[in-house]
């Protein structure tokens, strides 16, 4: 039986925390830029935002690559939370991906598979 090495939980916690800090810093950077470039309006539903509800306005990456952040904002659009969620759901549907980006399983049931045989029998 192979010897299992216990994970260094402190190291793992530090790694996760650092990764989250880097992601938040990256998001803050392009979010702040996008909010300066574009009016505070959802690009899909047209809902307007103020400082009071600005946290509900998100930055969507048109090419779905969160590392593609040109300074001119050409890969961004501001979307409300609901439209942003809808956009990502549509993307998953279009690519055939299931939950969490895994490929969706294909349907295996063939409801009309025996129909031809049944029709031939009735002739």
C-alpha atoms as a PDB file:
ATOM      1  CA  UNK A   1       0.000   0.000   0.000  1.00  0.00           C
ATOM      2  CA  UNK A   2       1.498   3.392  -0.988  1.00  0.00           C
ATOM      3  CA  UNK A   3       2.279   5.845   1.751  1.00  0.00           C
ATOM      4  CA  UNK A   4       0.041   8.885   1.578  1.00  0.00           C
ATOM      5  CA  UNK A   5       1.586  12.190   2.381  1.00  0.00           C
ATOM      6  CA  UNK A   6      -0.660  14.430   4.455  1.00  0.00           C
ATOM      7  CA  UNK A   7      -1.199  17.772   2.778  1.00  0.00           C
ATOM      8  CA  UNK A   8       0.319  20.816   4.392  1.00  0.00           C
ATOM      9  CA  UNK A   9      -2.953  22.586   5.209  1.00  0.00           C
ATOM     10  CA  UNK A  10      -1.242  25.841   6.196  1.00  0.00           C
ATOM     11  CA  UNK A  11       0.541  25.973   2.856  1.00  0.00           C
ATOM     12  CA  UNK A  12      -2.667  25.113   1.026  1.00  0.00           C
ATOM     13  CA  UNK A  13      -4.584  27.829   2.907  1.00  0.00           C
ATOM     14  CA  UNK A  14      -1.882  30.391   2.058  1.00  0.00           C
ATOM     15  CA  UNK A  15      -1.951  29.375  -1.605  1.00  0.00           C
ATOM     16  CA  UNK A  16      -5.745  29.661  -1.835  1.00  0.00           C
ATOM     17  CA  UNK A  17      -5.742  33.009  -0.018  1.00  0.00           C
ATOM     18  CA  UNK A  18      -3.024  34.412  -2.299  1.00  0.00           C
ATOM     19  CA  UNK A  19      -4.841  33.221  -5.420  1.00  0.00           C
ATOM     20  CA  UNK A  20      -8.044  34.894  -4.242  1.00  0.00           C
ATOM     21  CA  UNK A  21      -6.172  38.129  -3.459  1.00  0.00           C
ATOM     22  CA  UNK A  22      -4.644  38.165  -6.936  1.00  0.00           C
ATOM     23  CA  UNK A  23      -8.002  37.519  -8.589  1.00  0.00           C
ATOM     24  CA  UNK A  24      -9.686  40.287  -6.591  1.00  0.00           C
ATOM     25  CA  UNK A  25      -6.881  42.721  -7.402  1.00  0.00           C
ATOM     26  CA  UNK A  26      -7.131  41.892 -11.123  1.00  0.00           C
ATOM     27  CA  UNK A  27     -10.927  42.247 -11.064  1.00  0.00           C
ATOM     28  CA  UNK A  28     -10.733  45.546  -9.175  1.00  0.00           C
ATOM     29  CA  UNK A  29      -8.388  46.910 -11.793  1.00  0.00           C
ATOM     30  CA  UNK A  30     -10.508  46.222 -14.853  1.00  0.00           C
ATOM     31  CA  UNK A  31     -13.768  46.913 -13.001  1.00  0.00           C
ATOM     32  CA  UNK A  32     -12.592  50.382 -12.009  1.00  0.00           C
ATOM     33  CA  UNK A  33     -11.435  51.036 -15.577  1.00  0.00           C
ATOM     34  CA  UNK A  34     -14.716  49.839 -17.071  1.00  0.00           C
ATOM     35  CA  UNK A  35     -16.757  51.981 -14.669  1.00  0.00           C
ATOM     36  CA  UNK A  36     -14.764  55.031 -15.786  1.00  0.00           C
ATOM     37  CA  UNK A  37     -15.132  54.221 -19.502  1.00  0.00           C
ATOM     38  CA  UNK A  38     -18.791  53.269 -19.731  1.00  0.00           C
ATOM     39  CA  UNK A  39     -22.055  54.737 -18.452  1.00  0.00           C
ATOM     40  CA  UNK A  40     -23.471  52.873 -15.456  1.00  0.00           C
ATOM     41  CA  UNK A  41     -26.161  51.113 -17.467  1.00  0.00           C
ATOM     42  CA  UNK A  42     -26.646  47.392 -18.111  1.00  0.00           C
ATOM     43  CA  UNK A  43     -25.744  46.711 -21.730  1.00  0.00           C
ATOM     44  CA  UNK A  44     -28.603  44.205 -22.070  1.00  0.00           C
ATOM     45  CA  UNK A  45     -31.653  45.328 -20.101  1.00  0.00           C
ATOM     46  CA  UNK A  46     -30.839  49.050 -19.890  1.00  0.00           C
ATOM     47  CA  UNK A  47     -31.173  49.243 -16.100  1.00  0.00           C
ATOM     48  CA  UNK A  48     -29.426  52.338 -14.727  1.00  0.00           C
ATOM     49  CA  UNK A  49     -27.183  52.269 -11.668  1.00  0.00           C
ATOM     50  CA  UNK A  50     -26.101  54.770  -9.047  1.00  0.00           C
ATOM     51  CA  UNK A  51     -23.503  54.615  -6.288  1.00  0.00           C
ATOM     52  CA  UNK A  52     -26.153  53.041  -4.021  1.00  0.00           C
ATOM     53  CA  UNK A  53     -26.565  49.913  -6.191  1.00  0.00           C
ATOM     54  CA  UNK A  54     -23.361  49.929  -8.239  1.00  0.00           C
ATOM     55  CA  UNK A  55     -22.261  46.627  -6.656  1.00  0.00           C
ATOM     56  CA  UNK A  56     -24.982  44.963  -8.796  1.00  0.00           C
ATOM     57  CA  UNK A  57     -23.292  46.081 -12.024  1.00  0.00           C
ATOM     58  CA  UNK A  58     -20.656  43.648 -13.259  1.00  0.00           C
ATOM     59  CA  UNK A  59     -18.018  43.605 -15.970  1.00  0.00           C
ATOM     60  CA  UNK A  60     -18.555  40.896 -18.568  1.00  0.00           C
ATOM     61  CA  UNK A  61     -15.695  39.758 -20.808  1.00  0.00           C
ATOM     62  CA  UNK A  62     -17.081  39.388 -24.304  1.00  0.00           C
ATOM     63  CA  UNK A  63     -14.589  36.667 -25.226  1.00  0.00           C
ATOM     64  CA  UNK A  64     -14.994  34.987 -21.796  1.00  0.00           C
ATOM     65  CA  UNK A  65     -11.243  35.390 -21.137  1.00  0.00           C
ATOM     66  CA  UNK A  66     -10.779  37.196 -17.826  1.00  0.00           C
ATOM     67  CA  UNK A  67      -7.118  37.786 -18.601  1.00  0.00           C
ATOM     68  CA  UNK A  68      -7.903  39.703 -21.805  1.00  0.00           C
ATOM     69  CA  UNK A  69      -8.238  43.241 -20.473  1.00  0.00           C
ATOM     70  CA  UNK A  70      -7.256  45.775 -23.145  1.00  0.00           C
ATOM     71  CA  UNK A  71      -7.027  49.299 -21.734  1.00  0.00           C
ATOM     72  CA  UNK A  72      -9.571  50.585 -24.267  1.00  0.00           C
ATOM     73  CA  UNK A  73     -12.215  48.279 -22.747  1.00  0.00           C
ATOM     74  CA  UNK A  74     -13.035  46.636 -26.078  1.00  0.00           C
ATOM     75  CA  UNK A  75     -13.469  43.210 -24.421  1.00  0.00           C
ATOM     76  CA  UNK A  76     -15.791  44.445 -21.684  1.00  0.00           C
ATOM     77  CA  UNK A  77     -19.429  45.280 -21.292  1.00  0.00           C
ATOM     78  CA  UNK A  78     -21.251  46.295 -18.152  1.00  0.00           C
ATOM     79  CA  UNK A  79     -24.095  43.937 -17.248  1.00  0.00           C
ATOM     80  CA  UNK A  80     -26.358  43.721 -14.222  1.00  0.00           C
ATOM     81  CA  UNK A  81     -26.042  40.572 -12.130  1.00  0.00           C
ATOM     82  CA  UNK A  82     -29.071  38.973 -13.765  1.00  0.00           C
ATOM     83  CA  UNK A  83     -28.045  39.637 -17.358  1.00  0.00           C
ATOM     84  CA  UNK A  84     -24.480  38.530 -16.574  1.00  0.00           C
ATOM     85  CA  UNK A  85     -25.707  35.217 -15.173  1.00  0.00           C
ATOM     86  CA  UNK A  86     -27.978  34.806 -18.191  1.00  0.00           C
ATOM     87  CA  UNK A  87     -25.100  35.481 -20.588  1.00  0.00           C
ATOM     88  CA  UNK A  88     -22.957  32.788 -18.990  1.00  0.00           C
ATOM     89  CA  UNK A  89     -25.858  30.322 -18.984  1.00  0.00           C
ATOM     90  CA  UNK A  90     -26.374  30.999 -22.703  1.00  0.00           C
ATOM     91  CA  UNK A  91     -22.658  30.435 -23.316  1.00  0.00           C
ATOM     92  CA  UNK A  92     -22.825  27.070 -21.530  1.00  0.00           C
ATOM     93  CA  UNK A  93     -25.882  26.100 -23.573  1.00  0.00           C
ATOM     94  CA  UNK A  94     -24.190  27.121 -26.834  1.00  0.00           C
ATOM     95  CA  UNK A  95     -21.048  25.114 -26.126  1.00  0.00           C
ATOM     96  CA  UNK A  96     -22.970  22.092 -24.914  1.00  0.00           C
ATOM     97  CA  UNK A  97     -21.221  22.271 -21.569  1.00  0.00           C
ATOM     98  CA  UNK A  98     -23.058  21.159 -18.488  1.00  0.00           C
ATOM     99  CA  UNK A  99     -22.714  22.299 -14.928  1.00  0.00           C
ATOM    100  CA  UNK A 100     -19.310  23.788 -14.006  1.00  0.00           C
ATOM    101  CA  UNK A 101     -18.152  23.646 -17.640  1.00  0.00           C
ATOM    102  CA  UNK A 102     -18.173  19.853 -17.893  1.00  0.00           C
ATOM    103  CA  UNK A 103     -19.536  18.443 -21.139  1.00  0.00           C
ATOM    104  CA  UNK A 104     -23.220  17.654 -20.847  1.00  0.00           C
ATOM    105  CA  UNK A 105     -24.116  14.020 -21.281  1.00  0.00           C
ATOM    106  CA  UNK A 106     -25.908  13.246 -24.505  1.00  0.00           C
ATOM    107  CA  UNK A 107     -29.446  11.927 -24.437  1.00  0.00           C
ATOM    108  CA  UNK A 108     -29.582   8.176 -24.946  1.00  0.00           C
ATOM    109  CA  UNK A 109     -33.337   7.542 -25.020  1.00  0.00           C
ATOM    110  CA  UNK A 110     -34.754   7.045 -28.487  1.00  0.00           C
ATOM    111  CA  UNK A 111     -38.499   7.438 -28.059  1.00  0.00           C
ATOM    112  CA  UNK A 112     -39.445   6.555 -31.639  1.00  0.00           C
ATOM    113  CA  UNK A 113     -36.830   3.840 -32.191  1.00  0.00           C
ATOM    114  CA  UNK A 114     -39.370   1.011 -32.617  1.00  0.00           C
ATOM    115  CA  UNK A 115     -41.949   3.003 -34.567  1.00  0.00           C
ATOM    116  CA  UNK A 116     -40.917   1.733 -38.004  1.00  0.00           C
ATOM    117  CA  UNK A 117     -41.270  -1.881 -36.869  1.00  0.00           C
ATOM    118  CA  UNK A 118     -44.715  -1.169 -35.392  1.00  0.00           C
ATOM    119  CA  UNK A 119     -45.891   0.489 -38.612  1.00  0.00           C
ATOM    120  CA  UNK A 120     -44.662  -2.429 -40.739  1.00  0.00           C
ATOM    121  CA  UNK A 121     -46.540  -4.878 -38.511  1.00  0.00           C
ATOM    122  CA  UNK A 122     -49.841  -3.053 -39.060  1.00  0.00           C
ATOM    123  CA  UNK A 123     -49.573  -3.263 -42.881  1.00  0.00           C
END
